[in-house]
Amino acid sequence: MDEKMFVVCHMLSSLDGKIDGAFFGTSKAAASIKAYGDLRNFYHCQATLYGTTTMLGGYADGKLEKSLPQDQYMLRDDWINKDGTCQRHFIYICREGPV
């Protein structure tokens, strides 16, 4: 990889600052959603970082009721695109880990 790593920070939200809601499904929001995706593609973003609210609102099936048994935890290893086949990553950050 010859390119330097960099971070692009951008966010799609309504005028009142909300990042989730029915407005995302309206035809009026379609152009903004397309522009958001085009910007991500323009910068060749390989990962998207989300917090708890976004993950629960659009990607997760809800919160975990209890932690996984100790023997079901993944090993601490480099699991990021080991074989080079994945083009995009979703990164989720939550200090409580409910999702």
Protein backbone atom coordinates (compact mmCIF):
# COMPACT_ATOMS: atom_id res chain seq x y z
CA MET A 1 0.00 0.00 0.00
CA ASP A 2 1.67 3.17 -1.22
CA GLU A 3 -1.00 5.60 -0.06
CA LYS A 4 -0.88 7.24 3.35
CA MET A 5 -3.75 6.41 5.68
CA PHE A 6 -6.19 9.21 6.45
CA VAL A 7 -9.53 9.79 8.14
CA VAL A 8 -12.55 11.44 6.53
CA CYS A 9 -15.21 12.64 8.96
CA HIS A 10 -18.66 13.29 7.53
CA MET A 11 -22.17 12.66 8.71
CA LEU A 12 -25.58 12.54 7.08
CA SER A 13 -28.21 14.10 9.32
CA SER A 14 -31.47 16.00 9.18
CA LEU A 15 -31.60 19.75 9.80
CA ASP A 16 -32.43 19.10 13.44
CA GLY A 17 -29.27 17.00 13.83
CA LYS A 18 -30.89 13.58 13.93
CA ILE A 19 -28.97 10.74 12.28
CA ASP A 20 -31.87 8.32 12.13
CA GLY A 21 -35.52 8.54 11.25
CA ALA A 22 -38.20 8.04 8.66
CA PHE A 23 -36.86 10.91 6.56
CA PHE A 24 -34.04 8.66 5.32
CA GLY A 25 -36.65 6.63 3.43
CA THR A 26 -38.26 9.59 1.65
CA SER A 27 -37.68 10.52 -1.98
CA LYS A 28 -36.48 13.98 -0.85
CA ALA A 29 -33.56 12.38 1.02
CA ALA A 30 -32.47 10.20 -1.92
CA ALA A 31 -30.13 12.81 -3.45
CA SER A 32 -28.42 13.43 -0.10
CA ILE A 33 -27.99 9.71 0.55
CA LYS A 34 -26.48 9.29 -2.92
CA ALA A 35 -24.11 12.23 -2.37
CA TYR A 36 -23.07 10.72 0.99
CA GLY A 37 -22.20 7.42 -0.72
CA ASP A 38 -20.47 9.19 -3.63
CA LEU A 39 -18.26 11.11 -1.20
CA ARG A 40 -17.29 7.90 0.57
CA ASN A 41 -16.45 6.32 -2.78
CA PHE A 42 -14.51 9.40 -3.96
CA TYR A 43 -12.17 9.13 -0.98
CA HIS A 44 -11.97 5.32 -1.30
CA CYS A 45 -13.04 4.93 2.33
CA GLN A 46 -12.40 1.36 3.43
CA ALA A 47 -14.14 1.57 6.79
CA THR A 48 -17.10 3.31 8.37
CA LEU A 49 -17.20 3.99 12.11
CA TYR A 50 -20.52 3.83 13.96
CA GLY A 51 -21.62 4.26 17.55
CA THR A 52 -24.29 2.44 19.53
CA THR A 53 -27.28 4.54 18.43
CA THR A 54 -26.56 4.09 14.72
CA MET A 55 -25.85 0.37 15.05
CA LEU A 56 -29.05 -0.25 17.01
CA GLY A 57 -31.06 1.94 14.64
CA GLY A 58 -30.03 0.38 11.38
CA TYR A 59 -27.74 -2.62 11.56
CA ALA A 60 -28.09 -4.70 14.72
CA ASP A 61 -30.94 -7.00 15.73
CA GLY A 62 -31.10 -5.42 19.18
CA LYS A 63 -29.07 -5.51 22.36
CA LEU A 64 -27.56 -8.65 23.82
CA GLU A 65 -29.41 -9.87 26.88
CA LYS A 66 -26.27 -11.37 28.36
CA SER A 67 -22.60 -11.70 27.50
CA LEU A 68 -21.35 -14.61 25.44
CA PRO A 69 -19.85 -17.52 27.37
CA GLN A 70 -16.09 -17.17 27.80
CA ASP A 71 -15.36 -19.96 25.30
CA GLN A 72 -17.28 -18.11 22.55
CA TYR A 73 -15.17 -14.96 22.54
CA MET A 74 -13.02 -14.38 19.48
CA LEU A 75 -9.30 -14.59 19.95
CA ARG A 76 -7.42 -11.32 20.08
CA ASP A 77 -5.92 -11.47 16.64
CA ASP A 78 -5.82 -9.37 13.50
CA TRP A 79 -9.17 -10.18 11.91
CA ILE A 80 -9.20 -7.17 9.61
CA ASN A 81 -9.22 -8.42 6.03
CA LYS A 82 -6.73 -11.23 6.59
CA ASP A 83 -7.15 -12.67 3.11
CA GLY A 84 -7.58 -9.33 1.34
CA THR A 85 -11.05 -10.09 -0.05
CA CYS A 86 -13.09 -7.59 1.98
CA GLN A 87 -13.40 -4.14 0.43
CA ARG A 88 -15.33 -2.28 3.16
CA HIS A 89 -15.53 -2.53 6.95
CA PHE A 90 -18.05 -1.39 9.54
CA ILE A 91 -16.42 -0.51 12.83
CA TYR A 92 -18.63 -0.29 15.91
CA ILE A 93 -17.50 1.39 19.11
CA CYS A 94 -19.33 1.09 22.41
CA ARG A 95 -17.74 0.96 25.83
CA GLU A 96 -20.59 -1.16 27.19
CA GLY A 97 -20.81 -3.60 24.25
CA PRO A 98 -24.59 -4.15 24.21
CA VAL A 99 -24.99 -4.78 20.48
